[in-house]
Structures are given as structure tokens and as C-alpha cells.
Amino acid sequence: MKMKLFDSELKVMEILWKEGDLSAGQLAKVLKERIGWNRNTTYTVIKKCVEKGAIERYEPNFMCHALIERKEAQHYETQELIEKMFDGSREKFFSAFLEEEELLPDEIERLKRLIERRK
């Protein structure tokens, strides 16, 4: 997937990824409760997601279904960050992360196992 999702679109997608298919009305209600969006704002963002191919709508009740997975969006956003902030270097990205973060011993072990699996 090569699809840029803006913060507002990610808010809608996060709910669909967590809750599964919802009607546009249900999404509007959740977003009003969580972040204070009005119905029109939610419907506008849903429309943008549909136009991008991130969401499909179906009947009855204008149900919304995520067409991309969270993992796809995470991958795209990570790649974009690495390109933008680290000259496309994954090594620079990891180095910056590891230098700035305090890692717990079990986190270090999990990271080591991930690297070993990639070899």
C-alpha cells in the first residue's frame, strides 16, 4: 500500500481497526465522544478515506469497512518517517531510537530475537 493517511483519517481508521465494521453514524458517535468531532466532520473524513480506497461503504446503513490493515498503514508511515528524517537509512533510524530510549531488559531481548530472525 502506498497511501498517505492524514491524522484525521487515521483517527477514523483506528476505530475501524479496533471495532470492526461500523455505520457512518456509529463512527460519528464514537468520534464525537472521544474527540468532539461533529457529524459533518466525520462524514467528510469518511468520504476522503473512501476516495483514497482506505474504506469501502456498503448497505444497509452506510456501513464502513477498512480496506487496509493497520500494519500496512504503520509500514507506510514508518517508511515515510525514515525517508524524511533519516535520509532513508533504517540504521540511522534505529540508532536514533536506541540512543534516546531507556529499554527494559525484556525489551532488549525481544529486539535481539527480532534481529536474529531477520538474519
PDB file of N, CA and C in Angstrom:
ATOM      1  N   MET A   1       0.843  -1.182   0.000  1.00  0.00           N
ATOM      2  CA  MET A   1       0.000   0.000   0.000  1.00  0.00           C
ATOM      3  C   MET A   1       0.883   1.239   0.000  1.00  0.00           C
ATOM      4  N   LYS A   2       0.613   2.134  -0.902  1.00  0.00           N
ATOM      5  CA  LYS A   2       1.299   3.431  -0.944  1.00  0.00           C
ATOM      6  C   LYS A   2       0.217   4.491  -0.775  1.00  0.00           C
ATOM      7  N   MET A   3      -0.234   4.668   0.431  1.00  0.00           N
ATOM      8  CA  MET A   3      -1.338   5.579   0.682  1.00  0.00           C
ATOM      9  C   MET A   3      -1.036   6.434   1.901  1.00  0.00           C
ATOM     10  N   LYS A   4      -0.978   7.736   1.696  1.00  0.00           N
ATOM     11  CA  LYS A   4      -0.767   8.666   2.805  1.00  0.00           C
ATOM     12  C   LYS A   4      -2.098   8.901   3.498  1.00  0.00           C
ATOM     13  N   LEU A   5      -2.168   8.564   4.765  1.00  0.00           N
ATOM     14  CA  LEU A   5      -3.347   8.851   5.571  1.00  0.00           C
ATOM     15  C   LEU A   5      -2.993   9.979   6.530  1.00  0.00           C
ATOM     16  N   PHE A   6      -3.804  11.016   6.513  1.00  0.00           N
ATOM     17  CA  PHE A   6      -3.579  12.144   7.404  1.00  0.00           C
ATOM     18  C   PHE A   6      -4.111  11.813   8.794  1.00  0.00           C
ATOM     19  N   ASP A   7      -3.731  12.617   9.778  1.00  0.00           N
ATOM     20  CA  ASP A   7      -4.097  12.338  11.171  1.00  0.00           C
ATOM     21  C   ASP A   7      -5.595  12.125  11.344  1.00  0.00           C
ATOM     22  N   SER A   8      -6.396  12.958  10.719  1.00  0.00           N
ATOM     23  CA  SER A   8      -7.849  12.811  10.854  1.00  0.00           C
ATOM     24  C   SER A   8      -8.323  11.483  10.273  1.00  0.00           C
ATOM     25  N   GLU A   9      -7.734  11.083   9.153  1.00  0.00           N
ATOM     26  CA  GLU A   9      -8.110   9.814   8.527  1.00  0.00           C
ATOM     27  C   GLU A   9      -7.670   8.638   9.393  1.00  0.00           C
ATOM     28  N   LEU A  10      -6.518   8.773  10.010  1.00  0.00           N
ATOM     29  CA  LEU A  10      -6.036   7.716  10.909  1.00  0.00           C
ATOM     30  C   LEU A  10      -6.948   7.555  12.119  1.00  0.00           C
ATOM     31  N   LYS A  11      -7.548   8.641  12.580  1.00  0.00           N
ATOM     32  CA  LYS A  11      -8.477   8.551  13.706  1.00  0.00           C
ATOM     33  C   LYS A  11      -9.671   7.670  13.347  1.00  0.00           C
ATOM     34  N   VAL A  12     -10.208   7.844  12.148  1.00  0.00           N
ATOM     35  CA  VAL A  12     -11.320   7.016  11.676  1.00  0.00           C
ATOM     36  C   VAL A  12     -10.862   5.571  11.514  1.00  0.00           C
ATOM     37  N   MET A  13      -9.695   5.388  10.897  1.00  0.00           N
ATOM     38  CA  MET A  13      -9.185   4.040  10.650  1.00  0.00           C
ATOM     39  C   MET A  13      -8.923   3.304  11.966  1.00  0.00           C
ATOM     40  N   GLU A  14      -8.384   3.996  12.957  1.00  0.00           N
ATOM     41  CA  GLU A  14      -8.098   3.369  14.254  1.00  0.00           C
ATOM     42  C   GLU A  14      -9.361   2.748  14.848  1.00  0.00           C
ATOM     43  N   ILE A  15     -10.466   3.456  14.731  1.00  0.00           N
ATOM     44  CA  ILE A  15     -11.719   2.937  15.279  1.00  0.00           C
ATOM     45  C   ILE A  15     -12.159   1.705  14.505  1.00  0.00           C
ATOM     46  N   LEU A  16     -12.081   1.759  13.180  1.00  0.00           N
ATOM     47  CA  LEU A  16     -12.477   0.592  12.376  1.00  0.00           C
ATOM     48  C   LEU A  16     -11.555  -0.596  12.641  1.00  0.00           C
ATOM     49  N   TRP A  17     -10.265  -0.354  12.802  1.00  0.00           N
ATOM     50  CA  TRP A  17      -9.341  -1.450  13.095  1.00  0.00           C
ATOM     51  C   TRP A  17      -9.654  -2.080  14.443  1.00  0.00           C
ATOM     52  N   LYS A  18     -10.028  -1.259  15.387  1.00  0.00           N
ATOM     53  CA  LYS A  18     -10.299  -1.769  16.733  1.00  0.00           C
ATOM     54  C   LYS A  18     -11.678  -2.410  16.848  1.00  0.00           C
ATOM     55  N   GLU A  19     -12.671  -1.746  16.280  1.00  0.00           N
ATOM     56  CA  GLU A  19     -14.063  -2.169  16.473  1.00  0.00           C
ATOM     57  C   GLU A  19     -14.616  -3.049  15.353  1.00  0.00           C
ATOM     58  N   GLY A  20     -13.977  -3.015  14.180  1.00  0.00           N
ATOM     59  CA  GLY A  20     -14.551  -3.707  13.021  1.00  0.00           C
ATOM     60  C   GLY A  20     -15.524  -2.785  12.299  1.00  0.00           C
ATOM     61  N   ASP A  21     -16.288  -3.336  11.384  1.00  0.00           N
ATOM     62  CA  ASP A  21     -17.204  -2.538  10.579  1.00  0.00           C
ATOM     63  C   ASP A  21     -18.222  -1.800  11.450  1.00  0.00           C
ATOM     64  N   LEU A  22     -18.420  -0.529  11.133  1.00  0.00           N
ATOM     65  CA  LEU A  22     -19.398   0.313  11.817  1.00  0.00           C
ATOM     66  C   LEU A  22     -20.125   1.154  10.781  1.00  0.00           C
ATOM     67  N   SER A  23     -21.324   1.578  11.128  1.00  0.00           N
ATOM     68  CA  SER A  23     -22.019   2.512  10.250  1.00  0.00           C
ATOM     69  C   SER A  23     -21.378   3.888  10.381  1.00  0.00           C
ATOM     70  N   ALA A  24     -21.606   4.728   9.384  1.00  0.00           N
ATOM     71  CA  ALA A  24     -21.087   6.092   9.440  1.00  0.00           C
ATOM     72  C   ALA A  24     -21.624   6.804  10.682  1.00  0.00           C
ATOM     73  N   GLY A  25     -22.872   6.555  11.010  1.00  0.00           N
ATOM     74  CA  GLY A  25     -23.473   7.162  12.207  1.00  0.00           C
ATOM     75  C   GLY A  25     -22.795   6.707  13.486  1.00  0.00           C
ATOM     76  N   GLN A  26     -22.475   5.406  13.560  1.00  0.00           N
ATOM     77  CA  GLN A  26     -21.779   4.892  14.743  1.00  0.00           C
ATOM     78  C   GLN A  26     -20.382   5.504  14.857  1.00  0.00           C
ATOM     79  N   LEU A  27     -19.689   5.609  13.722  1.00  0.00           N
ATOM     80  CA  LEU A  27     -18.363   6.252  13.734  1.00  0.00           C
ATOM     81  C   LEU A  27     -18.470   7.685  14.215  1.00  0.00           C
ATOM     82  N   ALA A  28     -19.467   8.405  13.719  1.00  0.00           N
ATOM     83  CA  ALA A  28     -19.662   9.794  14.128  1.00  0.00           C
ATOM     84  C   ALA A  28     -19.901   9.896  15.632  1.00  0.00           C
ATOM     85  N   LYS A  29     -20.675   8.977  16.167  1.00  0.00           N
ATOM     86  CA  LYS A  29     -20.968   8.999  17.601  1.00  0.00           C
ATOM     87  C   LYS A  29     -19.697   8.746  18.420  1.00  0.00           C
ATOM     88  N   VAL A  30     -18.917   7.753  18.018  1.00  0.00           N
ATOM     89  CA  VAL A  30     -17.676   7.433  18.730  1.00  0.00           C
ATOM     90  C   VAL A  30     -16.713   8.614  18.676  1.00  0.00           C
ATOM     91  N   LEU A  31     -16.553   9.214  17.502  1.00  0.00           N
ATOM     92  CA  LEU A  31     -15.608  10.328  17.360  1.00  0.00           C
ATOM     93  C   LEU A  31     -16.086  11.582  18.095  1.00  0.00           C
ATOM     94  N   LYS A  32     -17.379  11.771  18.196  1.00  0.00           N
ATOM     95  CA  LYS A  32     -17.902  12.888  18.993  1.00  0.00           C
ATOM     96  C   LYS A  32     -17.549  12.681  20.468  1.00  0.00           C
ATOM     97  N   GLU A  33     -17.751  11.451  20.954  1.00  0.00           N
ATOM     98  CA  GLU A  33     -17.458  11.137  22.352  1.00  0.00           C
ATOM     99  C   GLU A  33     -15.963  11.242  22.660  1.00  0.00           C
ATOM    100  N   ARG A  34     -15.135  10.738  21.759  1.00  0.00           N
ATOM    101  CA  ARG A  34     -13.691  10.656  22.034  1.00  0.00           C
ATOM    102  C   ARG A  34     -12.952  11.961  21.799  1.00  0.00           C
ATOM    103  N   ILE A  35     -13.304  12.665  20.697  1.00  0.00           N
ATOM    104  CA  ILE A  35     -12.516  13.857  20.378  1.00  0.00           C
ATOM    105  C   ILE A  35     -13.353  15.083  20.029  1.00  0.00           C
ATOM    106  N   GLY A  36     -14.666  14.965  20.147  1.00  0.00           N
ATOM    107  CA  GLY A  36     -15.511  16.140  19.975  1.00  0.00           C
ATOM    108  C   GLY A  36     -15.855  16.514  18.547  1.00  0.00           C
ATOM    109  N   TRP A  37     -15.615  15.612  17.608  1.00  0.00           N
ATOM    110  CA  TRP A  37     -15.969  15.913  16.218  1.00  0.00           C
ATOM    111  C   TRP A  37     -17.472  15.988  16.050  1.00  0.00           C
ATOM    112  N   ASN A  38     -17.928  16.883  15.146  1.00  0.00           N
ATOM    113  CA  ASN A  38     -19.339  16.863  14.801  1.00  0.00           C
ATOM    114  C   ASN A  38     -19.556  15.867  13.664  1.00  0.00           C
ATOM    115  N   ARG A  39     -20.806  15.547  13.406  1.00  0.00           N
ATOM    116  CA  ARG A  39     -21.169  14.538  12.403  1.00  0.00           C
ATOM    117  C   ARG A  39     -20.610  14.877  11.020  1.00  0.00           C
ATOM    118  N   ASN A  40     -20.703  16.148  10.629  1.00  0.00           N
ATOM    119  CA  ASN A  40     -20.231  16.543   9.300  1.00  0.00           C
ATOM    120  C   ASN A  40     -18.733  16.316   9.131  1.00  0.00           C
ATOM    121  N   THR A  41     -17.961  16.593  10.177  1.00  0.00           N
ATOM    122  CA  THR A  41     -16.522  16.363  10.119  1.00  0.00           C
ATOM    123  C   THR A  41     -16.231  14.885   9.880  1.00  0.00           C
ATOM    124  N   THR A  42     -16.898  14.028  10.648  1.00  0.00           N
ATOM    125  CA  THR A  42     -16.690  12.587  10.485  1.00  0.00           C
ATOM    126  C   THR A  42     -17.059  12.142   9.081  1.00  0.00           C
ATOM    127  N   TYR A  43     -18.203  12.594   8.572  1.00  0.00           N
ATOM    128  CA  TYR A  43     -18.642  12.174   7.232  1.00  0.00           C
ATOM    129  C   TYR A  43     -17.674  12.664   6.154  1.00  0.00           C
ATOM    130  N   THR A  44     -17.127  13.857   6.334  1.00  0.00           N
ATOM    131  CA  THR A  44     -16.151  14.383   5.371  1.00  0.00           C
ATOM    132  C   THR A  44     -14.893  13.518   5.360  1.00  0.00           C
ATOM    133  N   VAL A  45     -14.415  13.142   6.536  1.00  0.00           N
ATOM    134  CA  VAL A  45     -13.208  12.318   6.618  1.00  0.00           C
ATOM    135  C   VAL A  45     -13.476  10.917   6.066  1.00  0.00           C
ATOM    136  N   ILE A  46     -14.639  10.355   6.356  1.00  0.00           N
ATOM    137  CA  ILE A  46     -15.002   9.048   5.785  1.00  0.00           C
ATOM    138  C   ILE A  46     -14.983   9.131   4.264  1.00  0.00           C
ATOM    139  N   LYS A  47     -15.560  10.192   3.720  1.00  0.00           N
ATOM    140  CA  LYS A  47     -15.601  10.362   2.261  1.00  0.00           C
ATOM    141  C   LYS A  47     -14.186  10.394   1.678  1.00  0.00           C
ATOM    142  N   LYS A  48     -13.280  11.110   2.340  1.00  0.00           N
ATOM    143  CA  LYS A  48     -11.886  11.160   1.867  1.00  0.00           C
ATOM    144  C   LYS A  48     -11.250   9.779   1.908  1.00  0.00           C
ATOM    145  N   CYS A  49     -11.512   9.020   2.953  1.00  0.00           N
ATOM    146  CA  CYS A  49     -10.965   7.661   3.064  1.00  0.00           C
ATOM    147  C   CYS A  49     -11.528   6.749   1.972  1.00  0.00           C
ATOM    148  N   VAL A  50     -12.809   6.916   1.651  1.00  0.00           N
ATOM    149  CA  VAL A  50     -13.429   6.137   0.571  1.00  0.00           C
ATOM    150  C   VAL A  50     -12.766   6.491  -0.753  1.00  0.00           C
ATOM    151  N   GLU A  51     -12.576   7.789  -1.010  1.00  0.00           N
ATOM    152  CA  GLU A  51     -11.959   8.242  -2.260  1.00  0.00           C
ATOM    153  C   GLU A  51     -10.535   7.707  -2.407  1.00  0.00           C
ATOM    154  N   LYS A  52      -9.824   7.564  -1.302  1.00  0.00           N
ATOM    155  CA  LYS A  52      -8.457   7.043  -1.335  1.00  0.00           C
ATOM    156  C   LYS A  52      -8.403   5.531  -1.462  1.00  0.00           C
ATOM    157  N   GLY A  53      -9.518   4.870  -1.184  1.00  0.00           N
ATOM    158  CA  GLY A  53      -9.531   3.416  -1.212  1.00  0.00           C
ATOM    159  C   GLY A  53      -9.161   2.777   0.113  1.00  0.00           C
ATOM    160  N   ALA A  54      -9.199   3.545   1.196  1.00  0.00           N
ATOM    161  CA  ALA A  54      -8.886   3.014   2.519  1.00  0.00           C
ATOM    162  C   ALA A  54     -10.108   2.391   3.184  1.00  0.00           C
ATOM    163  N   ILE A  55     -11.289   2.870   2.794  1.00  0.00           N
ATOM    164  CA  ILE A  55     -12.560   2.403   3.359  1.00  0.00           C
ATOM    165  C   ILE A  55     -13.511   2.128   2.209  1.00  0.00           C
ATOM    166  N   GLU A  56     -14.326   1.077   2.387  1.00  0.00           N
ATOM    167  CA  GLU A  56     -15.453   0.890   1.475  1.00  0.00           C
ATOM    168  C   GLU A  56     -16.732   1.036   2.282  1.00  0.00           C
ATOM    169  N   ARG A  57     -17.758   1.578   1.637  1.00  0.00           N
ATOM    170  CA  ARG A  57     -19.065   1.715   2.291  1.00  0.00           C
ATOM    171  C   ARG A  57     -20.039   0.787   1.603  1.00  0.00           C
ATOM    172  N   TYR A  58     -20.916   0.193   2.402  1.00  0.00           N
ATOM    173  CA  TYR A  58     -21.907  -0.723   1.851  1.00  0.00           C
ATOM    174  C   TYR A  58     -23.209  -0.578   2.625  1.00  0.00           C
ATOM    175  N   GLU A  59     -24.247  -1.066   2.038  1.00  0.00           N
ATOM    176  CA  GLU A  59     -25.567  -1.028   2.666  1.00  0.00           C
ATOM    177  C   GLU A  59     -25.779  -2.305   3.475  1.00  0.00           C
ATOM    178  N   PRO A  60     -26.660  -2.278   4.450  1.00  0.00           N
ATOM    179  CA  PRO A  60     -27.503  -1.148   4.854  1.00  0.00           C
ATOM    180  C   PRO A  60     -26.772  -0.204   5.803  1.00  0.00           C
ATOM    181  N   ASN A  61     -27.328   0.953   5.962  1.00  0.00           N
ATOM    182  CA  ASN A  61     -26.880   1.948   6.954  1.00  0.00           C
ATOM    183  C   ASN A  61     -25.502   2.536   6.690  1.00  0.00           C
ATOM    184  N   PHE A  62     -25.078   2.585   5.449  1.00  0.00           N
ATOM    185  CA  PHE A  62     -23.773   3.164   5.117  1.00  0.00           C
ATOM    186  C   PHE A  62     -22.666   2.582   5.993  1.00  0.00           C
ATOM    187  N   MET A  63     -22.596   1.265   6.036  1.00  0.00           N
ATOM    188  CA  MET A  63     -21.564   0.594   6.829  1.00  0.00           C
ATOM    189  C   MET A  63     -20.190   0.895   6.240  1.00  0.00           C
ATOM    190  N   CYS A  64     -19.199   1.033   7.130  1.00  0.00           N
ATOM    191  CA  CYS A  64     -17.833   1.334   6.714  1.00  0.00           C
ATOM    192  C   CYS A  64     -16.938   0.148   7.060  1.00  0.00           C
ATOM    193  N   HIS A  65     -16.108  -0.229   6.088  1.00  0.00           N
ATOM    194  CA  HIS A  65     -15.201  -1.361   6.242  1.00  0.00           C
ATOM    195  C   HIS A  65     -13.800  -0.922   5.845  1.00  0.00           C
ATOM    196  N   ALA A  66     -12.808  -1.191   6.698  1.00  0.00           N
ATOM    197  CA  ALA A  66     -11.415  -0.840   6.398  1.00  0.00           C
ATOM    198  C   ALA A  66     -10.882  -1.763   5.307  1.00  0.00           C
ATOM    199  N   LEU A  67     -10.357  -1.173   4.243  1.00  0.00           N
ATOM    200  CA  LEU A  67      -9.776  -1.945   3.145  1.00  0.00           C
ATOM    201  C   LEU A  67      -8.276  -2.163   3.313  1.00  0.00           C
ATOM    202  N   ILE A  68      -7.672  -1.424   4.220  1.00  0.00           N
ATOM    203  CA  ILE A  68      -6.250  -1.616   4.505  1.00  0.00           C
ATOM    204  C   ILE A  68      -6.114  -2.002   5.971  1.00  0.00           C
ATOM    205  N   GLU A  69      -5.068  -2.727   6.259  1.00  0.00           N
ATOM    206  CA  GLU A  69      -4.813  -3.154   7.629  1.00  0.00           C
ATOM    207  C   GLU A  69      -3.924  -2.144   8.336  1.00  0.00           C
ATOM    208  N   ARG A  70      -4.016  -2.143   9.640  1.00  0.00           N
ATOM    209  CA  ARG A  70      -3.189  -1.258  10.462  1.00  0.00           C
ATOM    210  C   ARG A  70      -1.706  -1.454  10.122  1.00  0.00           C
ATOM    211  N   LYS A  71      -1.300  -2.696   9.941  1.00  0.00           N
ATOM    212  CA  LYS A  71       0.102  -2.998   9.657  1.00  0.00           C
ATOM    213  C   LYS A  71       0.562  -2.315   8.364  1.00  0.00           C
ATOM    214  N   GLU A  72      -0.306  -2.265   7.354  1.00  0.00           N
ATOM    215  CA  GLU A  72       0.038  -1.592   6.101  1.00  0.00           C
ATOM    216  C   GLU A  72       0.262  -0.098   6.322  1.00  0.00           C
ATOM    217  N   ALA A  73      -0.638   0.513   7.095  1.00  0.00           N
ATOM    218  CA  ALA A  73      -0.513   1.945   7.383  1.00  0.00           C
ATOM    219  C   ALA A  73       0.745   2.223   8.209  1.00  0.00           C
ATOM    220  N   GLN A  74       1.018   1.361   9.185  1.00  0.00           N
ATOM    221  CA  GLN A  74       2.217   1.523  10.009  1.00  0.00           C
ATOM    222  C   GLN A  74       3.468   1.423   9.144  1.00  0.00           C
ATOM    223  N   HIS A  75       3.484   0.471   8.236  1.00  0.00           N
ATOM    224  CA  HIS A  75       4.647   0.294   7.360  1.00  0.00           C
ATOM    225  C   HIS A  75       4.870   1.547   6.511  1.00  0.00           C
ATOM    226  N   TYR A  76       3.798   2.053   5.907  1.00  0.00           N
ATOM    227  CA  TYR A  76       3.928   3.244   5.069  1.00  0.00           C
ATOM    228  C   TYR A  76       4.426   4.433   5.887  1.00  0.00           C
ATOM    229  N   GLU A  77       3.826   4.660   7.040  1.00  0.00           N
ATOM    230  CA  GLU A  77       4.201   5.794   7.882  1.00  0.00           C
ATOM    231  C   GLU A  77       5.652   5.669   8.355  1.00  0.00           C
ATOM    232  N   THR A  78       6.079   4.459   8.689  1.00  0.00           N
ATOM    233  CA  THR A  78       7.456   4.242   9.125  1.00  0.00           C
ATOM    234  C   THR A  78       8.428   4.528   7.990  1.00  0.00           C
ATOM    235  N   GLN A  79       8.109   4.005   6.792  1.00  0.00           N
ATOM    236  CA  GLN A  79       8.969   4.250   5.635  1.00  0.00           C
ATOM    237  C   GLN A  79       9.065   5.743   5.338  1.00  0.00           C
ATOM    238  N   GLU A  80       7.937   6.435   5.415  1.00  0.00           N
ATOM    239  CA  GLU A  80       7.918   7.874   5.157  1.00  0.00           C
ATOM    240  C   GLU A  80       8.776   8.625   6.183  1.00  0.00           C
ATOM    241  N   LEU A  81       8.660   8.244   7.444  1.00  0.00           N
ATOM    242  CA  LEU A  81       9.464   8.859   8.501  1.00  0.00           C
ATOM    243  C   LEU A  81      10.955   8.625   8.261  1.00  0.00           C
ATOM    244  N   ILE A  82      11.314   7.399   7.927  1.00  0.00           N
ATOM    245  CA  ILE A  82      12.730   7.078   7.693  1.00  0.00           C
ATOM    246  C   ILE A  82      13.267   7.878   6.510  1.00  0.00           C
ATOM    247  N   GLU A  83      12.488   7.975   5.444  1.00  0.00           N
ATOM    248  CA  GLU A  83      12.916   8.757   4.277  1.00  0.00           C
ATOM    249  C   GLU A  83      13.081  10.234   4.637  1.00  0.00           C
ATOM    250  N   LYS A  84      12.098  10.755   5.348  1.00  0.00           N
ATOM    251  CA  LYS A  84      12.053  12.194   5.643  1.00  0.00           C
ATOM    252  C   LYS A  84      13.091  12.619   6.676  1.00  0.00           C
ATOM    253  N   MET A  85      13.235  11.846   7.731  1.00  0.00           N
ATOM    254  CA  MET A  85      14.058  12.282   8.866  1.00  0.00           C
ATOM    255  C   MET A  85      15.433  11.624   8.947  1.00  0.00           C
ATOM    256  N   PHE A  86      15.620  10.500   8.252  1.00  0.00           N
ATOM    257  CA  PHE A  86      16.869   9.742   8.403  1.00  0.00           C
ATOM    258  C   PHE A  86      17.510   9.405   7.059  1.00  0.00           C
ATOM    259  N   ASP A  87      17.241  10.236   6.056  1.00  0.00           N
ATOM    260  CA  ASP A  87      17.841  10.056   4.727  1.00  0.00           C
ATOM    261  C   ASP A  87      17.638   8.649   4.174  1.00  0.00           C
ATOM    262  N   GLY A  88      16.537   8.027   4.530  1.00  0.00           N
ATOM    263  CA  GLY A  88      16.237   6.688   4.023  1.00  0.00           C
ATOM    264  C   GLY A  88      17.009   5.575   4.712  1.00  0.00           C
ATOM    265  N   SER A  89      17.748   5.899   5.751  1.00  0.00           N
ATOM    266  CA  SER A  89      18.593   4.911   6.427  1.00  0.00           C
ATOM    267  C   SER A  89      17.876   4.307   7.642  1.00  0.00           C
ATOM    268  N   ARG A  90      17.590   3.012   7.553  1.00  0.00           N
ATOM    269  CA  ARG A  90      16.994   2.318   8.702  1.00  0.00           C
ATOM    270  C   ARG A  90      17.987   2.258   9.853  1.00  0.00           C
ATOM    271  N   GLU A  91      19.281   2.153   9.538  1.00  0.00           N
ATOM    272  CA  GLU A  91      20.300   2.116  10.587  1.00  0.00           C
ATOM    273  C   GLU A  91      20.297   3.416  11.396  1.00  0.00           C
ATOM    274  N   LYS A  92      20.231   4.576  10.705  1.00  0.00           N
ATOM    275  CA  LYS A  92      20.165   5.861  11.414  1.00  0.00           C
ATOM    276  C   LYS A  92      18.906   5.954  12.264  1.00  0.00           C
ATOM    277  N   PHE A  93      17.793   5.440  11.728  1.00  0.00           N
ATOM    278  CA  PHE A  93      16.526   5.440  12.460  1.00  0.00           C
ATOM    279  C   PHE A  93      16.664   4.645  13.759  1.00  0.00           C
ATOM    280  N   PHE A  94      17.160   3.401  13.659  1.00  0.00           N
ATOM    281  CA  PHE A  94      17.308   2.565  14.851  1.00  0.00           C
ATOM    282  C   PHE A  94      18.313   3.156  15.825  1.00  0.00           C
ATOM    283  N   SER A  95      19.400   3.691  15.305  1.00  0.00           N
ATOM    284  CA  SER A  95      20.409   4.298  16.182  1.00  0.00           C
ATOM    285  C   SER A  95      19.812   5.450  16.973  1.00  0.00           C
ATOM    286  N   ALA A  96      19.057   6.310  16.313  1.00  0.00           N
ATOM    287  CA  ALA A  96      18.432   7.443  16.995  1.00  0.00           C
ATOM    288  C   ALA A  96      17.456   6.948  18.060  1.00  0.00           C
ATOM    289  N   PHE A  97      16.676   5.937  17.721  1.00  0.00           N
ATOM    290  CA  PHE A  97      15.708   5.391  18.669  1.00  0.00           C
ATOM    291  C   PHE A  97      16.416   4.795  19.887  1.00  0.00           C
ATOM    292  N   LEU A  98      17.426   3.986  19.637  1.00  0.00           N
ATOM    293  CA  LEU A  98      18.101   3.295  20.732  1.00  0.00           C
ATOM    294  C   LEU A  98      18.896   4.247  21.618  1.00  0.00           C
ATOM    295  N   GLU A  99      19.403   5.323  21.053  1.00  0.00           N
ATOM    296  CA  GLU A  99      20.161   6.288  21.848  1.00  0.00           C
ATOM    297  C   GLU A  99      19.253   7.110  22.755  1.00  0.00           C
ATOM    298  N   GLU A 100      18.007   7.303  22.352  1.00  0.00           N
ATOM    299  CA  GLU A 100      17.106   8.186  23.095  1.00  0.00           C
ATOM    300  C   GLU A 100      16.219   7.465  24.099  1.00  0.00           C
ATOM    301  N   GLU A 101      16.011   6.191  23.926  1.00  0.00           N
ATOM    302  CA  GLU A 101      15.039   5.467  24.741  1.00  0.00           C
ATOM    303  C   GLU A 101      15.711   4.596  25.792  1.00  0.00           C
ATOM    304  N   GLU A 102      15.124   4.568  26.976  1.00  0.00           N
ATOM    305  CA  GLU A 102      15.532   3.624  28.006  1.00  0.00           C
ATOM    306  C   GLU A 102      14.769   2.331  27.739  1.00  0.00           C
ATOM    307  N   LEU A 103      15.484   1.265  27.481  1.00  0.00           N
ATOM    308  CA  LEU A 103      14.844  -0.007  27.206  1.00  0.00           C
ATOM    309  C   LEU A 103      14.957  -0.929  28.403  1.00  0.00           C
ATOM    310  N   LEU A 104      13.891  -1.633  28.669  1.00  0.00           N
ATOM    311  CA  LEU A 104      13.901  -2.630  29.727  1.00  0.00           C
ATOM    312  C   LEU A 104      14.616  -3.873  29.220  1.00  0.00           C
ATOM    313  N   PRO A 105      15.177  -4.677  30.117  1.00  0.00           N
ATOM    314  CA  PRO A 105      15.895  -5.887  29.682  1.00  0.00           C
ATOM    315  C   PRO A 105      15.052  -6.808  28.791  1.00  0.00           C
ATOM    316  N   ASP A 106      13.773  -6.986  29.116  1.00  0.00           N
ATOM    317  CA  ASP A 106      12.948  -7.871  28.287  1.00  0.00           C
ATOM    318  C   ASP A 106      12.700  -7.258  26.902  1.00  0.00           C
ATOM    319  N   GLU A 107      12.636  -5.934  26.809  1.00  0.00           N
ATOM    320  CA  GLU A 107      12.502  -5.284  25.501  1.00  0.00           C
ATOM    321  C   GLU A 107      13.761  -5.503  24.663  1.00  0.00           C
ATOM    322  N   ILE A 108      14.911  -5.407  25.314  1.00  0.00           N
ATOM    323  CA  ILE A 108      16.177  -5.639  24.619  1.00  0.00           C
ATOM    324  C   ILE A 108      16.227  -7.069  24.085  1.00  0.00           C
ATOM    325  N   GLU A 109      15.807  -8.024  24.895  1.00  0.00           N
ATOM    326  CA  GLU A 109      15.804  -9.430  24.460  1.00  0.00           C
ATOM    327  C   GLU A 109      14.864  -9.640  23.268  1.00  0.00           C
ATOM    328  N   ARG A 110      13.687  -9.028  23.310  1.00  0.00           N
ATOM    329  CA  ARG A 110      12.738  -9.169  22.188  1.00  0.00           C
ATOM    330  C   ARG A 110      13.316  -8.558  20.919  1.00  0.00           C
ATOM    331  N   LEU A 111      13.973  -7.413  21.052  1.00  0.00           N
ATOM    332  CA  LEU A 111      14.601  -6.789  19.886  1.00  0.00           C
ATOM    333  C   LEU A 111      15.721  -7.667  19.329  1.00  0.00           C
ATOM    334  N   LYS A 112      16.508  -8.257  20.216  1.00  0.00           N
ATOM    335  CA  LYS A 112      17.573  -9.164  19.769  1.00  0.00           C
ATOM    336  C   LYS A 112      16.978 -10.334  18.983  1.00  0.00           C
ATOM    337  N   ARG A 113      15.881 -10.917  19.506  1.00  0.00           N
ATOM    338  CA  ARG A 113      15.242 -12.048  18.822  1.00  0.00           C
ATOM    339  C   ARG A 113      14.699 -11.630  17.452  1.00  0.00           C
ATOM    340  N   LEU A 114      14.136 -10.443  17.384  1.00  0.00           N
ATOM    341  CA  LEU A 114      13.646  -9.952  16.089  1.00  0.00           C
ATOM    342  C   LEU A 114      14.782  -9.837  15.072  1.00  0.00           C
ATOM    343  N   ILE A 115      15.894  -9.306  15.508  1.00  0.00           N
ATOM    344  CA  ILE A 115      17.049  -9.153  14.612  1.00  0.00           C
ATOM    345  C   ILE A 115      17.575 -10.528  14.203  1.00  0.00           C
ATOM    346  N   GLU A 116      17.649 -11.446  15.132  1.00  0.00           N
ATOM    347  CA  GLU A 116      18.132 -12.796  14.815  1.00  0.00           C
ATOM    348  C   GLU A 116      17.237 -13.466  13.767  1.00  0.00           C
ATOM    349  N   ARG A 117      15.940 -13.287  13.893  1.00  0.00           N
ATOM    350  CA  ARG A 117      15.007 -13.894  12.919  1.00  0.00           C
ATOM    351  C   ARG A 117      15.176 -13.296  11.528  1.00  0.00           C
ATOM    352  N   ARG A 118      15.594 -12.042  11.458  1.00  0.00           N
ATOM    353  CA  ARG A 118      15.751 -11.365  10.175  1.00  0.00           C
ATOM    354  C   ARG A 118      17.037 -11.765   9.451  1.00  0.00           C
ATOM    355  N   LYS A 119      17.974 -12.402  10.172  1.00  0.00           N
ATOM    356  CA  LYS A 119      19.265 -12.772   9.544  1.00  0.00           C
ATOM    357  C   LYS A 119      19.096 -13.855   8.517  1.00  0.00           C
TER     358      LYS A 119
END
